Protein backbone atom coordinates (compact mmCIF):
# COMPACT_ATOMS: atom_id res chain seq x y z
CA MET A 1 -48.70 -6.22 36.07
CA ASN A 2 -44.98 -6.56 34.58
CA LYS A 3 -45.70 -2.75 33.27
CA ILE A 4 -47.11 -1.45 36.93
CA LEU A 5 -44.05 -3.01 38.71
CA THR A 6 -41.70 -1.38 35.56
CA LEU A 7 -43.34 1.68 36.22
CA VAL A 8 -42.08 1.72 40.23
CA PHE A 9 -39.10 0.77 40.00
CA VAL A 10 -38.26 3.66 37.45
CA LEU A 11 -40.38 6.16 39.83
CA LEU A 12 -37.83 4.20 43.13
CA VAL A 13 -35.01 5.19 41.13
CA SER A 14 -35.49 8.97 39.91
CA LEU A 15 -36.17 9.00 44.06
CA VAL A 16 -32.55 7.64 44.77
CA ALA A 17 -31.27 9.57 42.09
CA VAL A 18 -32.78 13.13 43.86
CA GLN A 19 -32.50 12.41 47.16
CA ALA A 20 -28.41 11.02 46.03
CA ALA A 21 -27.78 14.62 44.61
CA ASP A 22 -26.03 17.54 46.51
CA TYR A 23 -28.18 19.99 45.88
CA ALA A 24 -32.30 20.42 45.11
CA VAL A 25 -34.02 22.36 43.69
CA ASN A 26 -36.79 24.54 45.40
CA ASN A 27 -39.03 26.54 43.27
CA VAL A 28 -38.64 27.65 39.85
CA GLU A 29 -40.64 30.66 38.75
CA VAL A 30 -41.54 31.49 34.87
CA ASP A 31 -41.40 35.73 34.39
CA ASP A 32 -42.35 35.27 38.40
CA ILE A 33 -45.24 32.57 38.02
CA ASN A 34 -44.77 29.97 40.38
CA ALA A 35 -44.70 27.57 37.41
CA ALA A 36 -44.43 24.68 39.50
CA SER A 37 -47.81 25.41 40.42
CA ALA A 38 -49.17 26.06 37.85
CA GLN A 39 -51.14 23.71 35.26
CA ALA A 40 -48.97 26.20 32.59
CA VAL A 41 -47.34 29.10 32.22
CA TYR A 42 -48.54 31.94 29.32
CA VAL A 43 -45.06 33.52 27.60
CA GLN A 44 -45.47 35.40 24.34
CA ARG A 45 -43.43 34.10 21.45
CA GLY A 46 -40.94 36.90 20.31
CA SER A 47 -40.25 38.08 23.91
CA ILE A 48 -37.56 37.33 26.84
CA VAL A 49 -38.79 34.90 29.39
CA ASP A 50 -37.35 35.17 32.84
CA VAL A 51 -37.07 31.45 34.10
CA GLU A 52 -35.59 32.30 38.39
CA VAL A 53 -34.35 28.45 39.63
CA PHE A 54 -34.08 28.94 43.30
CA LEU A 55 -32.01 25.84 44.72
CA THR A 56 -30.44 25.23 47.96
CA GLY A 57 -27.22 23.12 48.69
CA ASN A 58 -27.74 19.50 51.20
CA SER A 59 -25.82 19.60 54.75
CA ASN A 60 -24.38 16.34 52.86
CA ILE A 61 -22.37 17.67 50.40
CA THR A 62 -18.36 15.81 49.98
CA ASN A 63 -16.19 18.68 51.16
CA ASP A 64 -18.77 21.10 51.51
CA LYS A 65 -19.41 22.43 48.39
CA ILE A 66 -19.36 21.93 44.76
CA ASP A 67 -17.63 24.48 42.42
CA ASP A 68 -18.77 22.96 38.91
CA VAL A 69 -22.66 23.33 39.14
CA ARG A 70 -24.40 25.05 36.23
CA VAL A 71 -28.17 25.84 35.72
CA LYS A 72 -29.90 25.58 32.29
CA ALA A 73 -33.41 26.22 30.66
CA TRP A 74 -34.43 24.55 27.57
CA ILE A 75 -37.31 23.83 24.80
CA GLY A 76 -37.76 21.49 21.95
CA GLY A 77 -40.11 21.15 19.25
CA TYR A 78 -38.48 24.36 17.88
CA GLU A 79 -38.03 23.81 13.72
CA TYR A 80 -34.76 25.61 13.61
CA GLY A 81 -32.65 23.98 16.71
CA ASP A 82 -33.87 23.97 20.70
CA VAL A 83 -34.00 26.97 22.68
CA GLU A 84 -31.71 27.21 25.41
CA TYR A 85 -30.21 29.17 28.29
CA THR A 86 -27.72 28.02 30.19
CA SER A 87 -25.69 29.93 33.41
CA ASP A 88 -22.61 30.29 34.09
CA ILE A 89 -19.91 27.88 35.97
CA PHE A 90 -20.82 28.82 40.64
CA GLU A 91 -20.20 26.60 43.20
CA VAL A 92 -22.91 24.67 45.68
CA GLU A 93 -22.41 25.02 49.76
CA GLU A 94 -23.56 23.27 52.26
CA ASN A 95 -26.98 24.39 53.10
CA VAL A 96 -26.55 27.51 51.28
CA SER A 97 -29.86 28.54 49.19
CA TYR A 98 -28.93 30.69 45.63
CA LYS A 99 -31.26 31.98 42.48
CA LYS A 100 -30.37 32.03 39.22
CA THR A 101 -32.21 33.92 36.39
CA LEU A 102 -31.76 32.67 33.01
CA LYS A 103 -33.25 34.67 30.25
CA LEU A 104 -35.30 31.87 27.75
CA ASP A 105 -35.11 34.12 24.00
CA VAL A 106 -38.42 32.57 22.39
CA PRO A 107 -37.84 32.39 18.81
CA GLU A 108 -41.03 35.06 17.45
CA ASP A 109 -41.43 32.23 14.67
CA ILE A 110 -41.94 29.49 16.59
CA ASP A 111 -45.54 27.58 16.02
CA ALA A 112 -47.98 29.51 18.60
CA SER A 113 -51.06 28.34 20.53
CA LYS A 114 -49.63 25.13 21.78
CA ASP A 115 -48.12 23.63 24.75
CA TYR A 116 -44.48 22.70 25.42
CA THR A 117 -42.05 21.58 27.81
CA LEU A 118 -39.56 23.44 29.76
CA HIS A 119 -36.40 21.63 31.39
CA VAL A 120 -34.98 22.83 34.16
CA GLU A 121 -31.65 21.47 34.86
CA VAL A 122 -28.98 21.62 38.09
CA TYR A 123 -26.30 20.36 37.14
CA ASP A 124 -22.61 19.54 37.82
CA ASP A 125 -19.83 16.35 36.67
CA ILE A 126 -21.53 13.85 39.04
CA ASN A 127 -24.86 15.33 40.13
CA VAL A 128 -28.10 16.03 37.23
CA ILE A 129 -31.85 17.30 38.00
CA ASP A 130 -34.26 17.21 35.98
CA ASN A 131 -37.02 19.34 36.29
CA VAL A 132 -40.15 20.10 33.96
CA TYR A 133 -42.92 22.37 33.55
CA THR A 134 -46.27 22.82 31.19
CA LEU A 135 -45.28 26.41 28.77
CA ARG A 136 -48.05 28.25 27.13
CA VAL A 137 -46.58 29.24 23.97
CA GLN A 138 -48.94 32.78 22.10
CA GLU A 139 -48.65 35.03 19.47
CA ALA A 140 -48.87 38.36 20.31
CA ARG A 141 -52.36 40.40 19.42
CA HIS A 142 -50.42 43.07 16.83
CA GLN A 143 -47.19 42.76 15.60
CA LEU A 144 -45.65 43.04 12.24
CA ARG A 145 -42.08 43.15 12.28
CA ILE A 146 -39.51 44.99 8.97
CA ARG A 147 -38.02 41.47 7.46
CA ASP A 148 -35.71 43.51 5.27
CA VAL A 149 -34.88 46.90 3.53
CA MET A 150 -33.38 47.57 0.11
CA PHE A 151 -31.72 50.42 -1.51
CA ASN A 152 -31.61 51.43 -4.74
CA PRO A 153 -29.45 52.36 -6.37
CA SER A 154 -26.99 51.09 -3.07
CA SER A 155 -26.69 51.72 1.08
CA THR A 156 -23.87 55.07 -0.65
CA VAL A 157 -25.56 58.02 -2.57
CA GLU A 158 -24.06 61.12 -4.81
CA ALA A 159 -25.51 64.39 -3.18
CA GLY A 160 -28.92 65.59 -5.97
CA GLN A 161 -29.55 61.81 -6.53
CA PRO A 162 -32.95 60.37 -5.51
CA LEU A 163 -32.82 57.08 -2.53
CA PHE A 164 -35.23 54.23 -3.28
CA ALA A 165 -36.17 51.91 -0.42
CA THR A 166 -37.93 48.67 -0.62
CA VAL A 167 -38.84 47.68 2.74
CA ARG A 168 -40.25 44.70 3.13
CA VAL A 169 -43.47 43.72 6.28
CA GLU A 170 -44.26 40.47 7.59
CA ASN A 171 -47.25 40.43 10.26
CA MET A 172 -46.27 37.07 12.87
CA GLY A 173 -49.59 38.31 15.06
CA ASP A 174 -53.50 37.08 15.91
CA LYS A 175 -55.18 40.13 13.77
CA LYS A 176 -55.04 41.22 10.66
CA GLU A 177 -53.85 44.38 9.98
CA GLU A 178 -54.97 46.97 7.52
CA ASN A 179 -53.69 50.36 6.05
CA VAL A 180 -50.50 49.32 7.80
CA LYS A 181 -48.50 52.68 7.11
CA VAL A 182 -44.43 52.78 5.89
CA ILE A 183 -42.15 56.01 6.71
CA LEU A 184 -38.91 56.44 5.22
CA SER A 185 -36.99 59.27 6.63
CA ILE A 186 -33.36 61.10 6.56
CA PRO A 187 -33.37 62.95 9.94
CA ALA A 188 -30.12 64.93 9.90
CA LEU A 189 -31.30 65.90 6.69
CA GLY A 190 -35.14 66.93 6.74
CA LEU A 191 -36.36 63.96 4.99
CA THR A 192 -39.70 62.13 4.48
CA THR A 193 -42.26 59.97 2.45
CA ARG A 194 -43.99 57.12 2.67
CA GLY A 195 -46.48 54.50 1.75
CA TYR A 196 -49.34 52.51 2.17
CA ILE A 197 -49.89 48.21 1.94
CA ASP A 198 -53.22 47.35 2.52
CA GLU A 199 -53.38 44.56 4.46
CA LEU A 200 -51.53 41.26 6.06
CA ALA A 201 -53.02 38.54 7.21
CA ALA A 202 -52.25 36.65 10.45
CA HIS A 203 -49.63 34.61 9.87
CA GLU A 204 -51.65 31.72 11.33
CA ASP A 205 -54.10 32.01 9.54
CA THR A 206 -52.38 31.80 5.77
CA ASP A 207 -50.63 28.37 7.55
CA THR A 208 -53.83 26.81 8.25
CA SER A 209 -57.08 28.73 6.74
CA GLU A 210 -58.51 27.92 3.34
CA ASP A 211 -60.56 30.67 3.19
CA ASN A 212 -57.58 32.70 3.48
CA GLU A 213 -55.50 31.38 0.71
CA ASP A 214 -55.41 33.82 -1.78
CA GLU A 215 -54.35 36.58 0.94
CA GLU A 216 -50.23 37.02 2.59
CA ASP A 217 -49.18 37.66 5.96
CA SER A 218 -46.27 39.47 4.74
CA GLY A 219 -46.07 42.57 1.91
CA SER A 220 -43.61 44.93 1.01
CA VAL A 221 -43.95 49.08 -0.47
CA SER A 222 -41.34 49.65 -3.16
CA ASP A 223 -41.86 53.00 -3.99
CA LEU A 224 -40.48 54.37 -1.33
CA TYR A 225 -38.21 57.08 -2.28
CA LEU A 226 -36.19 60.42 -0.68
CA VAL A 227 -34.03 62.78 -3.44
CA LEU A 228 -31.33 64.38 -1.23
CA PRO A 229 -30.44 67.94 -0.95
CA LYS A 230 -27.53 68.29 -3.36
CA ASP A 231 -25.92 70.65 -0.89
CA ALA A 232 -25.79 67.43 1.17
CA LYS A 233 -21.88 66.73 3.15
CA THR A 234 -20.06 64.14 2.78
CA GLY A 235 -21.24 61.59 6.26
CA ILE A 236 -22.92 58.94 7.54
CA TYR A 237 -26.52 59.38 7.62
CA ASP A 238 -29.02 57.03 9.33
CA VAL A 239 -32.09 56.43 7.24
CA VAL A 240 -34.59 55.35 9.85
CA VAL A 241 -37.69 53.13 9.35
CA ASP A 242 -41.33 53.37 10.56
CA VAL A 243 -43.97 50.78 10.46
CA GLU A 244 -47.44 51.92 11.82
CA TYR A 245 -50.30 49.38 12.36
CA SER A 246 -53.42 48.03 14.92
CA ARG A 247 -54.55 52.30 14.48
CA GLY A 248 -51.46 53.98 14.83
CA HIS A 249 -51.15 52.39 18.76
CA GLU A 250 -48.49 50.37 17.79
CA THR A 251 -45.27 51.20 15.68
CA GLU A 252 -42.16 48.74 15.07
CA SER A 253 -38.51 50.78 13.76
CA GLU A 254 -35.67 50.18 12.21
CA THR A 255 -32.07 52.52 11.46
CA PHE A 256 -29.59 51.84 8.69
CA PRO A 257 -26.55 53.94 7.86
CA ILE A 258 -26.07 55.10 4.10
CA ALA A 259 -22.91 56.86 2.60
CA VAL A 260 -23.71 60.22 0.92
CA LYS A 261 -21.33 61.32 -0.77
CA ALA A 262 -20.54 65.14 -1.27
CA LYS A 263 -20.84 66.54 -5.11
CA GLU A 264 -17.65 67.09 -6.95
CA VAL A 265 -17.65 71.71 -7.88
CA GLU A 266 -17.97 70.82 -11.10
CA GLN A 267 -20.65 69.55 -10.91
CA VAL A 268 -22.11 71.98 -8.61
CA THR A 269 -20.77 75.10 -10.73
CA SER A 270 -22.17 73.66 -13.97
CA VAL A 271 -24.84 75.99 -15.76
CA THR A 272 -25.72 73.26 -18.43
CA PRO A 273 -26.32 69.72 -16.52
CA SER A 274 -27.29 67.20 -18.89
CA LEU A 275 -30.48 64.59 -18.88
CA LYS A 276 -28.83 62.47 -16.93
CA GLU A 277 -27.54 64.91 -14.53
CA THR A 278 -32.10 65.49 -13.43
CA VAL A 279 -33.83 62.37 -14.75
CA VAL A 280 -34.08 59.09 -12.85
CA ILE A 281 -35.33 55.87 -14.56
CA THR A 282 -35.91 52.77 -13.10
CA VAL A 283 -37.04 49.00 -13.93
CA ASP A 284 -38.53 47.60 -10.92
CA SER A 285 -37.17 44.10 -12.03
CA GLN A 286 -34.76 43.80 -14.79
CA THR A 287 -36.19 39.55 -15.02
CA LYS A 288 -39.37 38.46 -15.01
CA ASP A 289 -41.14 34.99 -15.46
CA VAL A 290 -43.69 34.17 -18.44
CA SER A 291 -45.32 31.84 -18.14
CA LYS A 292 -45.93 30.20 -21.99
CA GLY A 293 -48.98 31.87 -23.73
CA LYS A 294 -49.12 34.97 -20.36
CA GLY A 295 -47.88 38.11 -19.24
CA ALA A 296 -45.98 40.37 -17.01
CA VAL A 297 -46.13 43.70 -16.64
CA TYR A 298 -42.50 45.97 -15.45
CA LYS A 299 -43.07 49.23 -14.34
CA VAL A 300 -40.84 51.69 -15.07
CA LEU A 301 -40.71 54.54 -12.45
CA PHE A 302 -39.21 58.69 -13.72
CA ALA A 303 -37.88 60.89 -10.81
CA ASN A 304 -37.63 64.85 -12.73
CA LEU A 305 -34.74 66.64 -9.88
CA GLY A 306 -34.33 69.07 -12.87
CA GLN A 307 -36.25 73.15 -12.57
CA THR A 308 -38.57 72.84 -15.52
CA ALA A 309 -41.63 69.96 -16.35
CA LYS A 310 -40.40 66.91 -19.70
CA THR A 311 -42.37 65.06 -21.60
CA TYR A 312 -40.58 61.60 -22.55
CA THR A 313 -41.59 59.36 -25.41
CA LEU A 314 -41.25 54.99 -24.47
CA ASN A 315 -40.73 52.54 -26.91
CA VAL A 316 -39.91 49.11 -27.08
CA GLU A 317 -38.46 47.10 -29.17
CA SER A 318 -40.15 44.61 -31.55
CA ILE A 319 -39.33 40.69 -29.63
CA SER A 320 -39.12 37.31 -31.73
CA PHE A 321 -41.07 35.80 -28.34
CA GLY A 322 -44.64 37.53 -28.30
CA ALA A 323 -45.96 40.93 -28.05
CA THR A 324 -45.63 44.26 -25.91
CA ARG A 325 -46.87 47.23 -25.82
CA VAL A 326 -46.66 50.94 -23.18
CA ASP A 327 -48.66 52.23 -21.20
CA PRO A 328 -48.51 54.84 -21.57
CA GLY A 329 -46.28 55.48 -24.25
CA VAL A 330 -45.76 59.34 -23.65
CA VAL A 331 -45.53 60.95 -19.85
CA SER A 332 -45.52 63.75 -18.53
CA VAL A 333 -43.64 64.74 -15.04
CA ALA A 334 -43.28 67.82 -13.60
CA LYS A 335 -40.40 69.15 -11.44
CA ASP A 336 -39.43 67.42 -8.46
CA GLY A 337 -42.13 65.17 -9.74
CA THR A 338 -42.43 61.60 -9.93
CA ALA A 339 -44.55 59.40 -12.39
CA GLU A 340 -45.06 55.82 -14.32
CA ALA A 341 -45.60 54.18 -16.63
CA TYR A 342 -45.82 50.58 -17.32
CA VAL A 343 -44.15 47.91 -20.33
CA TYR A 344 -46.70 44.69 -20.44
CA VAL A 345 -44.93 41.68 -22.21
CA SER A 346 -46.93 38.64 -23.55
CA SER A 347 -45.21 35.12 -24.94
CA ASN A 348 -46.20 32.92 -27.66
CA GLU A 349 -48.07 29.62 -27.21
CA ASN A 350 -45.57 27.84 -28.94
CA THR A 351 -42.35 29.33 -27.55
CA ASN A 352 -40.01 28.39 -26.30
CA PRO A 353 -38.47 28.31 -22.57
CA GLY A 354 -35.34 30.38 -21.98
CA ILE A 355 -34.38 33.98 -21.19
CA TYR A 356 -35.27 36.46 -24.14
CA SER A 357 -33.63 40.09 -23.79
CA PHE A 358 -35.33 43.69 -25.29
CA LYS A 359 -35.04 47.18 -24.86
CA LEU A 360 -36.98 49.70 -23.54
CA ARG A 361 -35.42 52.65 -24.80
CA VAL A 362 -36.70 56.76 -23.49
CA ASN A 363 -36.49 59.64 -25.49
CA GLU A 364 -37.50 63.47 -25.12
CA GLY A 365 -37.59 64.94 -28.42
CA ALA A 366 -35.55 63.14 -30.86
CA GLU A 367 -32.91 62.62 -27.59
CA LEU A 368 -32.20 59.61 -25.93
CA VAL A 369 -32.50 60.31 -23.01
CA LYS A 370 -32.20 56.28 -21.98
CA GLU A 371 -31.85 53.11 -23.05
CA VAL A 372 -33.05 50.04 -20.45
CA SER A 373 -31.93 46.06 -20.94
CA ILE A 374 -34.99 44.19 -20.00
CA SER A 375 -35.56 40.57 -19.73
CA SER A 376 -38.25 37.41 -19.88
CA ASN A 377 -37.53 34.31 -18.30
CA VAL A 378 -40.36 31.83 -20.77
CA VAL A 379 -41.60 28.64 -18.23
CA GLU A 380 -43.63 26.64 -18.91
CA GLU A 381 -47.48 27.08 -18.01
CA GLU A 382 -48.54 24.99 -14.05
CA LYS A 383 -50.73 22.82 -15.23
CA LYS A 384 -54.27 23.24 -14.03
CA THR A 385 -56.54 21.06 -12.73
CA GLY A 386 -59.81 22.40 -13.21
CA VAL A 387 -62.15 22.41 -16.26
CA ASP A 388 -62.63 25.42 -18.05
CA ALA A 389 -65.64 26.63 -19.35
CA LYS A 390 -65.37 25.90 -22.74
CA THR A 391 -64.83 22.19 -21.97
CA VAL A 392 -67.37 22.23 -19.43
CA PHE A 393 -70.01 23.79 -21.83
CA GLU A 394 -69.12 21.15 -24.54
CA GLY A 395 -69.48 18.49 -22.65
CA LEU A 396 -73.31 19.65 -21.72
CA PHE A 397 -73.48 19.68 -25.69
CA ILE A 398 -72.39 16.59 -26.81
CA LEU A 399 -74.68 15.37 -23.78
CA LEU A 400 -77.86 16.86 -25.10
CA LEU A 401 -77.53 15.21 -29.06
CA VAL A 402 -77.52 12.32 -26.64
CA ILE A 403 -80.60 12.49 -24.85
CA LEU A 404 -82.52 13.32 -28.19
CA ILE A 405 -81.17 10.67 -30.45
CA VAL A 406 -82.41 8.47 -27.07
CA LEU A 407 -85.81 10.29 -26.87
CA GLY A 408 -86.24 10.30 -30.82
CA VAL A 409 -85.07 5.89 -30.84
CA ILE A 410 -87.50 5.33 -28.14
CA VAL A 411 -90.97 7.78 -30.47
CA ALA A 412 -90.00 5.83 -33.28
CA VAL A 413 -90.25 2.26 -31.24
CA LYS A 414 -93.43 3.59 -29.95
CA ARG A 415 -94.80 4.35 -33.35
CA SER A 416 -94.00 0.77 -34.55
CA LYS A 417 -95.09 -0.63 -31.81
CA GLY A 418 -98.96 0.18 -31.99
CA ALA A 419 -98.94 0.25 -35.46
CA LYS A 420 -98.64 -3.50 -34.74
CA GLN A 421 -101.40 -3.99 -32.76
CA THR A 422 -104.17 -2.42 -34.66
CA GLY A 423 -103.11 -4.10 -37.68
CA LYS A 424 -102.50 -1.85 -39.92
CA PRO A 425 -99.69 -0.29 -41.43
CA GLU A 426 -98.28 3.15 -40.16
CA GLU A 427 -99.29 5.04 -42.93
CA PRO A 428 -98.68 8.78 -43.70
CA HIS A 429 -101.87 10.40 -43.30
CA LEU A 430 -103.93 11.76 -46.29
CA GLU A 431 -106.97 14.43 -47.38
CA GLN A 432 -110.02 12.53 -48.50
CA SER A 433 -112.08 13.38 -51.62
CA TYR A 434 -115.18 13.65 -52.16
CA TYR A 435 -117.33 13.17 -55.48
């Protein structure tokens, strides 16, 4: 009974507060849908939602108007803070109606497939009205986002040199995406190249489904590169990254500026350019983690900018913490072409954790073309919770041996009991001779 009386009192206080306000909210529309009459209004994450608030000044406003009114729309429950939008300050006169449009930016990484409470507040230094509505936030069916683009060597490149790019893409949609095409281009120089990401799992699936624990909702294309023309002029150029997905029906695009420096006259007119000017050799990572007793792989990329084919020999100096192998040891690169090689590094079981460095040497014939310093960070291997096959077989063998011993004891006991029941000692069977 006390709870009922308390509830009635709260409702009466709320009604008095609303009636005492000098204005009233007539209606709220979310993306042209009447929020008051809807059980929930659908909105898509990553979109900007129009919240239109209609209000009217009451006929008993003090001094005929209020000049410090604001309207605010917000939702809570977002991990990184409230999602909100507040209007500019305005005045409300008695018996005059107003419409205020608020732009609510729904984050693209907010949890989807759930309901959120939308608060619409109209307030000044004395009055406040807070109405609540329900928003149903859903992810788009197909939606990829370009999360990061890294340029190598940097965003400043010399004419005639290659520009390498790593593009990271994340799936924010409801469906898995396959054969995602990533296109890198510099339209002003007529350059373009492309790469592919095999598949990207749906964003929500990777968070909740054990079946998809080996799938990732983000992936990278790291072997994209463009060779700038040798006669490119100094200036700022736009690098365009396009991501095509959903069988080419959807496209995500971003543009990044790079600075191009024209070649100096001496380099352009040189008759015999050095190997360093015609060969670009890069390693995908200067440092990688290597678990004790395990290995890591470093990818070496060759770009031949010269006019003749080249053949290179790769050698890795011996290492104290394990073993190395290069595959292939000899790499041939066509003119204006590329090639790849791989350096395999394995750590000994008894290697102490720490960073170990070694050198990769690339030769053309007897001449050293490139020497790269590479590091391996040896770390403790994560403990496994499962049981390996060797342990299982050893356990089965011991169990089988125990069973055989028990069976032998049982047979011996039975034979002993049988001999006692007949009153004769158990004797071995002997052949009889007759005379």
